[in-house]
Amino acid sequence: MSNHTITVYGIPNCSTVKKARTWLDEQGVAYQFHDFKKAGVPQSHVPTWIAQATWEKLVNRQGTTWRKLDAAVQQSVTDAASATQLMLDNPSVIKRPVVEWADGSVTVGFDEAAWSKKTS
């Protein structure tokens, strides 16, 4: 493992983020939490997220934020560039949590089995 720390990106009141943070705490895994609401989306990180997780996976089309968007805005999200702009403008549309792991990899969402492998 490198000396990078684990960073969890999300919104504190998101139920999946709460589950993920609780799981990390229970495993004794140290991590930093980046709150999209307070600190915004780190624009320089988005290309890496898209490269590793795909923009289709990052944009949460099942969420309330997506459903509230104008249909024209929804239809305009067709590639990495348009998805990046949408995520920067509407952080709540990002599927959460986005995690940057110590090994440099990026995951989206909470998967206990996959996370167990990452933290062991």
N, C-alpha and C. Protein backbone atom coordinates (compact mmCIF):
# COMPACT_ATOMS: atom_id res chain seq x y z
N MET A 1 0.84 -1.20 0.00
CA MET A 1 0.00 0.00 0.00
C MET A 1 0.87 1.25 0.00
N SER A 2 0.42 2.25 -0.73
CA SER A 2 1.15 3.51 -0.77
C SER A 2 0.76 4.33 0.45
N ASN A 3 1.33 5.51 0.54
CA ASN A 3 1.02 6.35 1.69
C ASN A 3 -0.21 7.22 1.46
N HIS A 4 -0.93 6.97 0.37
CA HIS A 4 -2.17 7.70 0.14
C HIS A 4 -3.19 7.27 1.20
N THR A 5 -4.04 8.21 1.55
CA THR A 5 -5.12 7.86 2.47
C THR A 5 -6.38 7.56 1.66
N ILE A 6 -7.33 6.97 2.31
CA ILE A 6 -8.63 6.70 1.69
C ILE A 6 -9.48 7.96 1.85
N THR A 7 -10.10 8.38 0.75
CA THR A 7 -11.00 9.52 0.82
C THR A 7 -12.38 9.08 0.36
N VAL A 8 -13.38 9.35 1.19
CA VAL A 8 -14.77 9.04 0.90
C VAL A 8 -15.45 10.35 0.53
N TYR A 9 -16.02 10.41 -0.67
CA TYR A 9 -16.71 11.61 -1.15
C TYR A 9 -18.21 11.34 -1.11
N GLY A 10 -18.94 12.32 -0.59
CA GLY A 10 -20.39 12.15 -0.55
C GLY A 10 -21.07 13.24 0.23
N ILE A 11 -22.25 12.92 0.71
CA ILE A 11 -23.10 13.84 1.46
C ILE A 11 -23.43 13.14 2.78
N PRO A 12 -23.21 13.82 3.92
CA PRO A 12 -23.34 13.15 5.22
C PRO A 12 -24.69 12.50 5.47
N ASN A 13 -25.79 13.09 4.98
CA ASN A 13 -27.10 12.52 5.29
C ASN A 13 -27.56 11.47 4.29
N CYS A 14 -26.72 11.12 3.31
CA CYS A 14 -27.04 10.05 2.36
C CYS A 14 -26.96 8.71 3.09
N SER A 15 -27.99 7.88 2.98
CA SER A 15 -28.02 6.62 3.73
C SER A 15 -26.89 5.69 3.32
N THR A 16 -26.53 5.66 2.05
CA THR A 16 -25.46 4.77 1.60
C THR A 16 -24.11 5.27 2.13
N VAL A 17 -23.92 6.57 2.15
CA VAL A 17 -22.68 7.14 2.70
C VAL A 17 -22.60 6.83 4.19
N LYS A 18 -23.73 6.95 4.90
CA LYS A 18 -23.75 6.63 6.33
C LYS A 18 -23.35 5.17 6.56
N LYS A 19 -23.93 4.27 5.76
CA LYS A 19 -23.60 2.83 5.87
C LYS A 19 -22.11 2.60 5.62
N ALA A 20 -21.60 3.23 4.58
CA ALA A 20 -20.20 3.06 4.20
C ALA A 20 -19.27 3.57 5.29
N ARG A 21 -19.56 4.74 5.83
CA ARG A 21 -18.71 5.32 6.88
C ARG A 21 -18.78 4.49 8.16
N THR A 22 -19.98 4.01 8.49
CA THR A 22 -20.12 3.16 9.67
C THR A 22 -19.30 1.89 9.50
N TRP A 23 -19.38 1.29 8.30
CA TRP A 23 -18.63 0.06 8.03
C TRP A 23 -17.12 0.31 8.18
N LEU A 24 -16.62 1.41 7.59
CA LEU A 24 -15.19 1.73 7.71
C LEU A 24 -14.80 1.92 9.17
N ASP A 25 -15.64 2.64 9.93
CA ASP A 25 -15.37 2.86 11.35
C ASP A 25 -15.31 1.53 12.10
N GLU A 26 -16.27 0.65 11.81
CA GLU A 26 -16.32 -0.66 12.49
C GLU A 26 -15.10 -1.52 12.15
N GLN A 27 -14.55 -1.34 10.94
CA GLN A 27 -13.36 -2.10 10.54
C GLN A 27 -12.07 -1.45 11.04
N GLY A 28 -12.20 -0.27 11.63
CA GLY A 28 -11.02 0.45 12.10
C GLY A 28 -10.19 1.02 10.97
N VAL A 29 -10.84 1.32 9.85
CA VAL A 29 -10.13 1.84 8.68
C VAL A 29 -10.15 3.38 8.73
N ALA A 30 -8.96 3.97 8.69
CA ALA A 30 -8.87 5.43 8.70
C ALA A 30 -9.21 5.96 7.31
N TYR A 31 -9.94 7.06 7.27
CA TYR A 31 -10.30 7.67 5.99
C TYR A 31 -10.60 9.14 6.21
N GLN A 32 -10.56 9.90 5.13
CA GLN A 32 -10.99 11.29 5.17
C GLN A 32 -12.36 11.35 4.52
N PHE A 33 -13.21 12.25 5.01
CA PHE A 33 -14.53 12.43 4.40
C PHE A 33 -14.56 13.79 3.71
N HIS A 34 -14.96 13.79 2.45
CA HIS A 34 -15.09 15.03 1.67
C HIS A 34 -16.58 15.25 1.43
N ASP A 35 -17.11 16.30 2.01
CA ASP A 35 -18.54 16.63 1.93
C ASP A 35 -18.80 17.49 0.69
N PHE A 36 -19.53 16.90 -0.28
CA PHE A 36 -19.86 17.63 -1.50
C PHE A 36 -20.61 18.93 -1.20
N LYS A 37 -21.47 18.91 -0.17
CA LYS A 37 -22.28 20.09 0.13
C LYS A 37 -21.40 21.24 0.64
N LYS A 38 -20.41 20.91 1.47
CA LYS A 38 -19.56 21.96 2.05
C LYS A 38 -18.35 22.29 1.18
N ALA A 39 -17.73 21.27 0.60
CA ALA A 39 -16.45 21.47 -0.10
C ALA A 39 -16.58 21.39 -1.62
N GLY A 40 -17.77 21.05 -2.10
CA GLY A 40 -17.96 20.96 -3.54
C GLY A 40 -17.33 19.70 -4.13
N VAL A 41 -17.43 19.59 -5.44
CA VAL A 41 -16.85 18.45 -6.16
C VAL A 41 -15.44 18.86 -6.58
N PRO A 42 -14.43 18.05 -6.23
CA PRO A 42 -13.07 18.40 -6.63
C PRO A 42 -12.88 18.19 -8.13
N GLN A 43 -13.01 19.27 -8.89
CA GLN A 43 -13.02 19.20 -10.35
C GLN A 43 -11.83 18.42 -10.92
N SER A 44 -10.67 18.58 -10.31
CA SER A 44 -9.47 17.92 -10.83
C SER A 44 -9.52 16.40 -10.66
N HIS A 45 -10.40 15.90 -9.80
CA HIS A 45 -10.51 14.46 -9.56
C HIS A 45 -11.50 13.78 -10.51
N VAL A 46 -12.44 14.54 -11.05
CA VAL A 46 -13.51 13.96 -11.86
C VAL A 46 -12.99 13.16 -13.07
N PRO A 47 -11.98 13.64 -13.81
CA PRO A 47 -11.48 12.82 -14.93
C PRO A 47 -10.98 11.44 -14.49
N THR A 48 -10.34 11.36 -13.33
CA THR A 48 -9.87 10.07 -12.81
C THR A 48 -11.05 9.18 -12.45
N TRP A 49 -12.06 9.77 -11.81
CA TRP A 49 -13.26 9.00 -11.47
C TRP A 49 -13.89 8.42 -12.72
N ILE A 50 -14.01 9.27 -13.76
CA ILE A 50 -14.64 8.83 -15.00
C ILE A 50 -13.78 7.75 -15.67
N ALA A 51 -12.47 7.92 -15.64
CA ALA A 51 -11.57 6.94 -16.26
C ALA A 51 -11.68 5.58 -15.58
N GLN A 52 -11.85 5.58 -14.26
CA GLN A 52 -11.89 4.32 -13.52
C GLN A 52 -13.29 3.75 -13.34
N ALA A 53 -14.27 4.62 -13.22
CA ALA A 53 -15.62 4.13 -12.88
C ALA A 53 -16.65 4.38 -13.97
N THR A 54 -16.34 5.12 -14.99
CA THR A 54 -17.21 5.55 -16.09
C THR A 54 -18.23 6.61 -15.64
N TRP A 55 -18.50 7.55 -16.52
CA TRP A 55 -19.46 8.61 -16.18
C TRP A 55 -20.87 8.03 -16.04
N GLU A 56 -21.15 6.96 -16.79
CA GLU A 56 -22.49 6.36 -16.69
C GLU A 56 -22.76 5.84 -15.28
N LYS A 57 -21.73 5.32 -14.63
CA LYS A 57 -21.88 4.80 -13.27
C LYS A 57 -21.93 5.93 -12.25
N LEU A 58 -21.21 7.01 -12.51
CA LEU A 58 -21.16 8.14 -11.58
C LEU A 58 -22.45 8.94 -11.54
N VAL A 59 -23.11 9.07 -12.69
CA VAL A 59 -24.36 9.85 -12.73
C VAL A 59 -25.50 8.95 -12.28
N ASN A 60 -26.10 9.30 -11.15
CA ASN A 60 -27.15 8.48 -10.55
C ASN A 60 -28.50 8.84 -11.18
N ARG A 61 -28.89 8.03 -12.17
CA ARG A 61 -30.16 8.31 -12.86
C ARG A 61 -31.38 7.83 -12.08
N GLN A 62 -31.17 7.14 -10.95
CA GLN A 62 -32.30 6.72 -10.13
C GLN A 62 -32.62 7.74 -9.04
N GLY A 63 -31.74 8.70 -8.84
CA GLY A 63 -31.88 9.62 -7.71
C GLY A 63 -32.87 10.75 -7.94
N THR A 64 -33.27 11.36 -6.85
CA THR A 64 -34.21 12.47 -6.87
C THR A 64 -33.65 13.64 -7.67
N THR A 65 -32.36 13.93 -7.50
CA THR A 65 -31.77 15.07 -8.20
C THR A 65 -31.91 14.91 -9.71
N TRP A 66 -31.61 13.71 -10.21
CA TRP A 66 -31.73 13.45 -11.66
C TRP A 66 -33.18 13.62 -12.10
N ARG A 67 -34.11 13.06 -11.33
CA ARG A 67 -35.54 13.12 -11.72
C ARG A 67 -36.07 14.55 -11.74
N LYS A 68 -35.48 15.42 -10.92
CA LYS A 68 -35.93 16.82 -10.88
C LYS A 68 -35.34 17.66 -12.00
N LEU A 69 -34.32 17.14 -12.67
CA LEU A 69 -33.71 17.91 -13.76
C LEU A 69 -34.67 18.03 -14.94
N ASP A 70 -34.54 19.13 -15.65
CA ASP A 70 -35.31 19.34 -16.87
C ASP A 70 -34.97 18.23 -17.87
N ALA A 71 -35.95 17.76 -18.61
CA ALA A 71 -35.73 16.68 -19.59
C ALA A 71 -34.64 17.05 -20.58
N ALA A 72 -34.58 18.31 -20.98
CA ALA A 72 -33.54 18.73 -21.94
C ALA A 72 -32.15 18.58 -21.32
N VAL A 73 -32.04 18.88 -20.03
CA VAL A 73 -30.75 18.72 -19.34
C VAL A 73 -30.39 17.24 -19.28
N GLN A 74 -31.36 16.40 -18.92
CA GLN A 74 -31.11 14.95 -18.87
C GLN A 74 -30.63 14.44 -20.23
N GLN A 75 -31.29 14.87 -21.29
CA GLN A 75 -30.95 14.39 -22.63
C GLN A 75 -29.61 14.93 -23.11
N SER A 76 -29.13 16.03 -22.51
CA SER A 76 -27.86 16.62 -22.94
C SER A 76 -26.65 15.87 -22.35
N VAL A 77 -26.89 14.98 -21.38
CA VAL A 77 -25.79 14.23 -20.77
C VAL A 77 -25.53 12.99 -21.62
N THR A 78 -24.55 13.11 -22.51
CA THR A 78 -24.31 12.05 -23.49
C THR A 78 -22.86 11.57 -23.52
N ASP A 79 -21.98 12.25 -22.79
CA ASP A 79 -20.57 11.86 -22.80
C ASP A 79 -19.89 12.35 -21.54
N ALA A 80 -18.60 12.08 -21.43
CA ALA A 80 -17.85 12.42 -20.22
C ALA A 80 -17.85 13.93 -19.95
N ALA A 81 -17.73 14.73 -21.00
CA ALA A 81 -17.69 16.19 -20.83
C ALA A 81 -19.01 16.72 -20.28
N SER A 82 -20.13 16.29 -20.87
CA SER A 82 -21.43 16.78 -20.41
C SER A 82 -21.75 16.23 -19.02
N ALA A 83 -21.34 15.00 -18.75
CA ALA A 83 -21.56 14.41 -17.42
C ALA A 83 -20.73 15.15 -16.37
N THR A 84 -19.49 15.50 -16.71
CA THR A 84 -18.63 16.25 -15.78
C THR A 84 -19.28 17.57 -15.42
N GLN A 85 -19.77 18.29 -16.42
CA GLN A 85 -20.41 19.59 -16.15
C GLN A 85 -21.62 19.42 -15.26
N LEU A 86 -22.43 18.40 -15.53
CA LEU A 86 -23.62 18.14 -14.71
C LEU A 86 -23.21 17.86 -13.26
N MET A 87 -22.18 17.04 -13.06
CA MET A 87 -21.74 16.68 -11.70
C MET A 87 -21.19 17.90 -10.96
N LEU A 88 -20.49 18.77 -11.67
CA LEU A 88 -19.96 19.98 -11.02
C LEU A 88 -21.10 20.94 -10.66
N ASP A 89 -22.10 21.02 -11.52
CA ASP A 89 -23.24 21.92 -11.29
C ASP A 89 -24.21 21.36 -10.25
N ASN A 90 -24.33 20.03 -10.19
CA ASN A 90 -25.31 19.36 -9.32
C ASN A 90 -24.64 18.20 -8.59
N PRO A 91 -23.84 18.46 -7.54
CA PRO A 91 -23.12 17.38 -6.86
C PRO A 91 -24.02 16.25 -6.38
N SER A 92 -25.27 16.56 -6.08
CA SER A 92 -26.18 15.53 -5.57
C SER A 92 -26.53 14.48 -6.61
N VAL A 93 -26.22 14.73 -7.88
CA VAL A 93 -26.52 13.75 -8.93
C VAL A 93 -25.46 12.63 -8.97
N ILE A 94 -24.36 12.81 -8.24
CA ILE A 94 -23.29 11.81 -8.24
C ILE A 94 -23.69 10.64 -7.35
N LYS A 95 -23.57 9.42 -7.89
CA LYS A 95 -23.83 8.22 -7.10
C LYS A 95 -22.81 8.17 -5.99
N ARG A 96 -23.27 7.87 -4.79
CA ARG A 96 -22.40 7.94 -3.62
C ARG A 96 -22.31 6.62 -2.89
N PRO A 97 -21.23 6.47 -2.12
CA PRO A 97 -20.05 7.34 -2.09
C PRO A 97 -19.09 7.03 -3.23
N VAL A 98 -18.31 8.05 -3.60
CA VAL A 98 -17.16 7.84 -4.48
C VAL A 98 -15.98 7.69 -3.52
N VAL A 99 -15.20 6.63 -3.69
CA VAL A 99 -14.07 6.39 -2.79
C VAL A 99 -12.78 6.31 -3.59
N GLU A 100 -11.82 7.11 -3.15
CA GLU A 100 -10.46 7.01 -3.68
C GLU A 100 -9.69 6.18 -2.67
N TRP A 101 -9.24 4.99 -3.09
CA TRP A 101 -8.57 4.05 -2.20
C TRP A 101 -7.07 4.32 -2.13
N ALA A 102 -6.44 3.79 -1.12
CA ALA A 102 -5.01 4.01 -0.91
C ALA A 102 -4.18 3.50 -2.09
N ASP A 103 -4.70 2.51 -2.82
CA ASP A 103 -3.94 1.97 -3.96
C ASP A 103 -4.15 2.79 -5.24
N GLY A 104 -4.93 3.88 -5.13
CA GLY A 104 -5.16 4.74 -6.29
C GLY A 104 -6.41 4.41 -7.07
N SER A 105 -7.08 3.31 -6.72
CA SER A 105 -8.29 2.94 -7.43
C SER A 105 -9.49 3.75 -6.93
N VAL A 106 -10.56 3.74 -7.72
CA VAL A 106 -11.77 4.49 -7.41
C VAL A 106 -12.96 3.54 -7.50
N THR A 107 -13.85 3.60 -6.50
CA THR A 107 -15.10 2.84 -6.57
C THR A 107 -16.27 3.79 -6.34
N VAL A 108 -17.44 3.35 -6.81
CA VAL A 108 -18.66 4.14 -6.66
C VAL A 108 -19.70 3.25 -5.99
N GLY A 109 -20.34 3.77 -4.94
CA GLY A 109 -21.33 2.99 -4.20
C GLY A 109 -20.65 2.19 -3.10
N PHE A 110 -21.47 1.49 -2.33
CA PHE A 110 -20.95 0.71 -1.21
C PHE A 110 -21.17 -0.77 -1.49
N ASP A 111 -20.08 -1.52 -1.51
CA ASP A 111 -20.12 -2.97 -1.73
C ASP A 111 -19.23 -3.60 -0.67
N GLU A 112 -19.86 -4.14 0.38
CA GLU A 112 -19.12 -4.64 1.53
C GLU A 112 -18.09 -5.69 1.15
N ALA A 113 -18.43 -6.60 0.26
CA ALA A 113 -17.49 -7.65 -0.14
C ALA A 113 -16.26 -7.06 -0.84
N ALA A 114 -16.50 -6.15 -1.77
CA ALA A 114 -15.39 -5.53 -2.48
C ALA A 114 -14.55 -4.67 -1.54
N TRP A 115 -15.21 -3.99 -0.63
CA TRP A 115 -14.48 -3.13 0.31
C TRP A 115 -13.64 -3.96 1.27
N SER A 116 -14.14 -5.15 1.64
CA SER A 116 -13.38 -6.04 2.53
C SER A 116 -12.04 -6.39 1.89
N LYS A 117 -12.07 -6.65 0.59
CA LYS A 117 -10.84 -6.97 -0.13
C LYS A 117 -9.90 -5.77 -0.17
N LYS A 118 -10.46 -4.58 -0.32
CA LYS A 118 -9.66 -3.35 -0.41
C LYS A 118 -8.98 -3.02 0.91
N THR A 119 -9.63 -3.36 2.01
CA THR A 119 -9.14 -2.91 3.32
C THR A 119 -8.36 -4.00 4.06
N SER A 120 -8.30 -5.21 3.50
CA SER A 120 -7.61 -6.29 4.24
C SER A 120 -6.13 -6.31 3.93
